[in-house]
N, C-alpha and C. Protein backbone atom coordinates (compact mmCIF):
# COMPACT_ATOMS: atom_id res chain seq x y z
N MET A 1 2.57 10.40 -3.51
CA MET A 1 3.95 10.26 -3.88
C MET A 1 4.71 9.63 -2.71
N ILE A 2 5.48 8.62 -3.02
CA ILE A 2 6.28 7.93 -2.01
C ILE A 2 7.75 8.08 -2.39
N ARG A 3 8.53 8.63 -1.50
CA ARG A 3 9.97 8.76 -1.76
C ARG A 3 10.65 7.41 -1.54
N HIS A 4 11.56 7.06 -2.42
CA HIS A 4 12.24 5.77 -2.34
C HIS A 4 13.09 5.68 -1.07
N ASP A 5 13.71 6.77 -0.67
CA ASP A 5 14.55 6.72 0.52
C ASP A 5 13.75 6.71 1.83
N ALA A 6 12.41 6.82 1.73
CA ALA A 6 11.56 6.81 2.91
C ALA A 6 10.84 5.47 3.11
N ILE A 7 11.14 4.48 2.28
CA ILE A 7 10.46 3.19 2.37
C ILE A 7 11.50 2.08 2.21
N ASP A 8 11.31 0.99 2.94
CA ASP A 8 12.29 -0.10 2.80
C ASP A 8 11.93 -0.98 1.60
N ASP A 9 12.87 -1.79 1.18
CA ASP A 9 12.72 -2.58 -0.05
C ASP A 9 11.56 -3.57 0.02
N ASP A 10 11.35 -4.20 1.18
CA ASP A 10 10.26 -5.17 1.30
C ASP A 10 8.89 -4.51 1.14
N ASP A 11 8.71 -3.35 1.78
CA ASP A 11 7.44 -2.63 1.65
C ASP A 11 7.23 -2.15 0.22
N LEU A 12 8.29 -1.68 -0.40
CA LEU A 12 8.20 -1.22 -1.79
C LEU A 12 7.80 -2.37 -2.71
N ARG A 13 8.43 -3.50 -2.56
CA ARG A 13 8.11 -4.67 -3.38
C ARG A 13 6.65 -5.08 -3.20
N ARG A 14 6.17 -5.06 -1.96
CA ARG A 14 4.78 -5.42 -1.67
C ARG A 14 3.81 -4.45 -2.35
N LEU A 15 4.11 -3.15 -2.31
CA LEU A 15 3.24 -2.16 -2.95
C LEU A 15 3.23 -2.30 -4.47
N ILE A 16 4.35 -2.67 -5.05
CA ILE A 16 4.41 -2.88 -6.50
C ILE A 16 3.61 -4.12 -6.89
N VAL A 17 3.80 -5.21 -6.16
CA VAL A 17 3.11 -6.46 -6.47
C VAL A 17 1.60 -6.31 -6.33
N THR A 18 1.15 -5.57 -5.33
CA THR A 18 -0.29 -5.40 -5.12
C THR A 18 -0.90 -4.34 -6.04
N GLY A 19 -0.07 -3.63 -6.80
CA GLY A 19 -0.57 -2.65 -7.75
C GLY A 19 -0.78 -1.25 -7.19
N HIS A 20 -0.36 -1.01 -5.96
CA HIS A 20 -0.50 0.32 -5.37
C HIS A 20 0.52 1.30 -5.95
N ILE A 21 1.60 0.80 -6.50
CA ILE A 21 2.60 1.63 -7.17
C ILE A 21 2.69 1.16 -8.61
N ARG A 22 2.50 2.09 -9.55
CA ARG A 22 2.54 1.73 -10.97
C ARG A 22 3.52 2.57 -11.78
N TYR A 23 3.94 3.71 -11.24
CA TYR A 23 4.86 4.61 -11.95
C TYR A 23 5.96 5.07 -11.02
N GLY A 24 7.08 5.42 -11.60
CA GLY A 24 8.19 5.98 -10.85
C GLY A 24 8.64 7.27 -11.50
N GLY A 25 9.39 8.05 -10.75
CA GLY A 25 9.86 9.31 -11.31
C GLY A 25 11.05 9.86 -10.57
N ASN A 26 11.53 10.99 -11.04
CA ASN A 26 12.64 11.68 -10.42
C ASN A 26 12.10 12.95 -9.77
N ARG A 27 12.31 13.05 -8.48
CA ARG A 27 11.77 14.17 -7.70
C ARG A 27 12.36 15.50 -8.15
N ARG A 28 13.63 15.55 -8.44
CA ARG A 28 14.29 16.81 -8.79
C ARG A 28 14.06 17.20 -10.25
N LEU A 29 14.09 16.23 -11.15
CA LEU A 29 13.93 16.53 -12.57
C LEU A 29 12.46 16.66 -12.98
N ARG A 30 11.55 16.21 -12.10
CA ARG A 30 10.10 16.27 -12.34
C ARG A 30 9.70 15.51 -13.60
N ILE A 31 10.21 14.29 -13.71
CA ILE A 31 9.91 13.41 -14.83
C ILE A 31 9.36 12.11 -14.27
N TYR A 32 8.48 11.43 -15.02
CA TYR A 32 7.95 10.15 -14.57
C TYR A 32 7.90 9.17 -15.73
N GLY A 33 7.80 7.88 -15.38
CA GLY A 33 7.70 6.84 -16.40
C GLY A 33 7.24 5.53 -15.78
N ARG A 34 7.17 4.51 -16.63
CA ARG A 34 6.78 3.18 -16.15
C ARG A 34 7.88 2.61 -15.27
N LEU A 35 7.53 1.63 -14.46
CA LEU A 35 8.51 1.03 -13.57
C LEU A 35 9.59 0.25 -14.32
N ASP A 36 9.28 -0.21 -15.52
CA ASP A 36 10.27 -0.97 -16.29
C ASP A 36 11.12 -0.08 -17.20
N CYS A 37 11.01 1.22 -17.07
CA CYS A 37 11.76 2.15 -17.92
C CYS A 37 13.26 2.10 -17.58
N ALA A 38 14.07 1.95 -18.59
CA ALA A 38 15.52 1.85 -18.39
C ALA A 38 16.10 3.13 -17.79
N LEU A 39 15.55 4.27 -18.14
CA LEU A 39 16.07 5.53 -17.60
C LEU A 39 15.82 5.63 -16.10
N GLY A 40 14.69 5.14 -15.63
CA GLY A 40 14.37 5.20 -14.21
C GLY A 40 15.27 4.34 -13.35
N LYS A 41 15.78 3.28 -13.92
CA LYS A 41 16.64 2.38 -13.15
C LYS A 41 18.00 3.00 -12.87
N ARG A 42 18.36 4.06 -13.59
CA ARG A 42 19.66 4.71 -13.38
C ARG A 42 19.58 5.86 -12.39
N MET A 43 18.40 6.16 -11.87
CA MET A 43 18.25 7.27 -10.93
C MET A 43 18.84 6.93 -9.57
N LYS A 44 19.27 7.95 -8.87
CA LYS A 44 19.73 7.77 -7.50
C LYS A 44 18.52 7.52 -6.61
N ARG A 45 18.71 6.71 -5.60
CA ARG A 45 17.63 6.36 -4.69
C ARG A 45 17.03 7.61 -4.03
N ALA A 46 17.86 8.57 -3.67
CA ALA A 46 17.38 9.78 -3.00
C ALA A 46 16.49 10.63 -3.90
N SER A 47 16.63 10.50 -5.21
CA SER A 47 15.85 11.29 -6.15
C SER A 47 14.61 10.57 -6.65
N ARG A 48 14.51 9.27 -6.42
CA ARG A 48 13.43 8.46 -6.99
C ARG A 48 12.17 8.54 -6.13
N VAL A 49 11.03 8.69 -6.81
CA VAL A 49 9.72 8.70 -6.16
C VAL A 49 8.79 7.75 -6.91
N PHE A 50 7.71 7.34 -6.24
CA PHE A 50 6.76 6.40 -6.82
C PHE A 50 5.35 6.95 -6.73
N PHE A 51 4.51 6.54 -7.71
CA PHE A 51 3.14 7.02 -7.79
C PHE A 51 2.19 5.85 -8.01
N GLY A 52 0.97 6.01 -7.54
CA GLY A 52 -0.04 4.98 -7.69
C GLY A 52 -0.69 4.93 -9.05
N ASP A 53 -0.85 6.08 -9.68
CA ASP A 53 -1.49 6.10 -11.00
C ASP A 53 -0.91 7.24 -11.84
N ALA A 54 -1.27 7.24 -13.11
CA ALA A 54 -0.72 8.22 -14.04
C ALA A 54 -1.16 9.64 -13.71
N ASP A 55 -2.38 9.82 -13.23
CA ASP A 55 -2.85 11.17 -12.89
C ASP A 55 -2.00 11.78 -11.78
N GLU A 56 -1.70 10.98 -10.77
CA GLU A 56 -0.85 11.46 -9.69
C GLU A 56 0.55 11.78 -10.20
N ALA A 57 1.06 10.94 -11.08
CA ALA A 57 2.41 11.15 -11.62
C ALA A 57 2.48 12.38 -12.51
N ARG A 58 1.41 12.68 -13.24
CA ARG A 58 1.41 13.81 -14.19
C ARG A 58 1.39 15.18 -13.52
N ARG A 59 0.92 15.27 -12.31
CA ARG A 59 0.77 16.57 -11.66
C ARG A 59 2.11 17.31 -11.58
N GLY A 60 2.30 18.25 -12.49
CA GLY A 60 3.51 19.05 -12.49
C GLY A 60 4.74 18.36 -13.04
N ARG A 61 4.54 17.21 -13.69
CA ARG A 61 5.68 16.46 -14.24
C ARG A 61 5.43 16.16 -15.70
N PHE A 62 6.49 15.79 -16.39
CA PHE A 62 6.33 15.36 -17.77
C PHE A 62 6.80 13.93 -17.90
N SER A 63 6.30 13.25 -18.91
CA SER A 63 6.58 11.82 -19.08
C SER A 63 7.95 11.60 -19.71
N SER A 64 8.47 10.42 -19.48
CA SER A 64 9.76 10.02 -20.04
C SER A 64 9.65 9.86 -21.55
N TRP A 65 10.60 10.39 -22.27
CA TRP A 65 10.61 10.21 -23.73
C TRP A 65 10.97 8.77 -24.07
N HIS A 66 11.59 8.06 -23.14
CA HIS A 66 12.08 6.72 -23.42
C HIS A 66 10.96 5.67 -23.38
N CYS A 67 10.11 5.71 -22.38
CA CYS A 67 9.10 4.66 -22.22
C CYS A 67 7.67 5.12 -22.49
N LEU A 68 7.43 6.42 -22.53
CA LEU A 68 6.08 6.96 -22.76
C LEU A 68 6.14 8.00 -23.87
N ARG A 69 6.57 7.60 -25.04
CA ARG A 69 6.82 8.54 -26.14
C ARG A 69 5.58 9.30 -26.57
N ASP A 70 4.42 8.65 -26.62
CA ASP A 70 3.19 9.35 -27.02
C ASP A 70 2.82 10.44 -26.01
N ASP A 71 2.90 10.11 -24.72
CA ASP A 71 2.60 11.10 -23.68
C ASP A 71 3.61 12.25 -23.73
N TYR A 72 4.87 11.91 -23.95
CA TYR A 72 5.91 12.94 -24.04
C TYR A 72 5.65 13.87 -25.23
N ALA A 73 5.26 13.31 -26.36
CA ALA A 73 4.98 14.12 -27.55
C ALA A 73 3.80 15.06 -27.28
N ARG A 74 2.76 14.58 -26.59
CA ARG A 74 1.62 15.44 -26.25
C ARG A 74 2.06 16.56 -25.30
N TRP A 75 2.88 16.21 -24.28
CA TRP A 75 3.37 17.21 -23.34
C TRP A 75 4.19 18.27 -24.08
N LYS A 76 5.06 17.83 -24.96
CA LYS A 76 5.91 18.75 -25.69
C LYS A 76 5.08 19.68 -26.57
N ASP A 77 4.04 19.15 -27.19
CA ASP A 77 3.17 19.95 -28.03
C ASP A 77 2.42 21.00 -27.21
N THR A 78 1.88 20.62 -26.06
CA THR A 78 1.16 21.58 -25.22
C THR A 78 2.12 22.63 -24.67
N ARG A 79 3.32 22.24 -24.35
CA ARG A 79 4.30 23.21 -23.86
C ARG A 79 4.68 24.19 -24.97
N ARG A 80 4.81 23.68 -26.17
CA ARG A 80 5.15 24.53 -27.30
C ARG A 80 4.05 25.58 -27.54
N ARG A 81 2.80 25.18 -27.30
CA ARG A 81 1.67 26.10 -27.49
C ARG A 81 1.41 26.96 -26.26
N GLY A 82 2.16 26.74 -25.17
CA GLY A 82 2.02 27.56 -23.98
C GLY A 82 0.91 27.15 -23.04
N ILE A 83 0.40 25.92 -23.17
CA ILE A 83 -0.70 25.46 -22.33
C ILE A 83 -0.19 24.91 -21.00
N TRP A 84 0.90 24.14 -21.05
CA TRP A 84 1.43 23.49 -19.85
C TRP A 84 2.08 24.51 -18.96
N GLN A 85 1.81 24.43 -17.65
CA GLN A 85 2.44 25.34 -16.70
C GLN A 85 3.15 24.53 -15.65
N SER A 86 4.36 24.94 -15.32
CA SER A 86 5.08 24.23 -14.27
C SER A 86 4.49 24.61 -12.93
N PRO A 87 4.61 23.74 -11.93
CA PRO A 87 4.02 24.02 -10.61
C PRO A 87 4.75 25.14 -9.89
């Protein structure tokens, strides 16, 4: 996990272009989504974090209903059945 406020814009852009960063999320809300997600673009820089892959992003987080609807529906179903546990 890379915090947005701990990295400068040039390094961040380089990591995105090279594929080392593929997902973004909100550190406080514990939500993640694709980098092109409209909801993620409205986050404050201090709350935004980045992940290299979906497995890293999923650890203790749930997916965005806006850009990852299928993943969100699966998360909601497992939570409803009591399988998902918060960290």
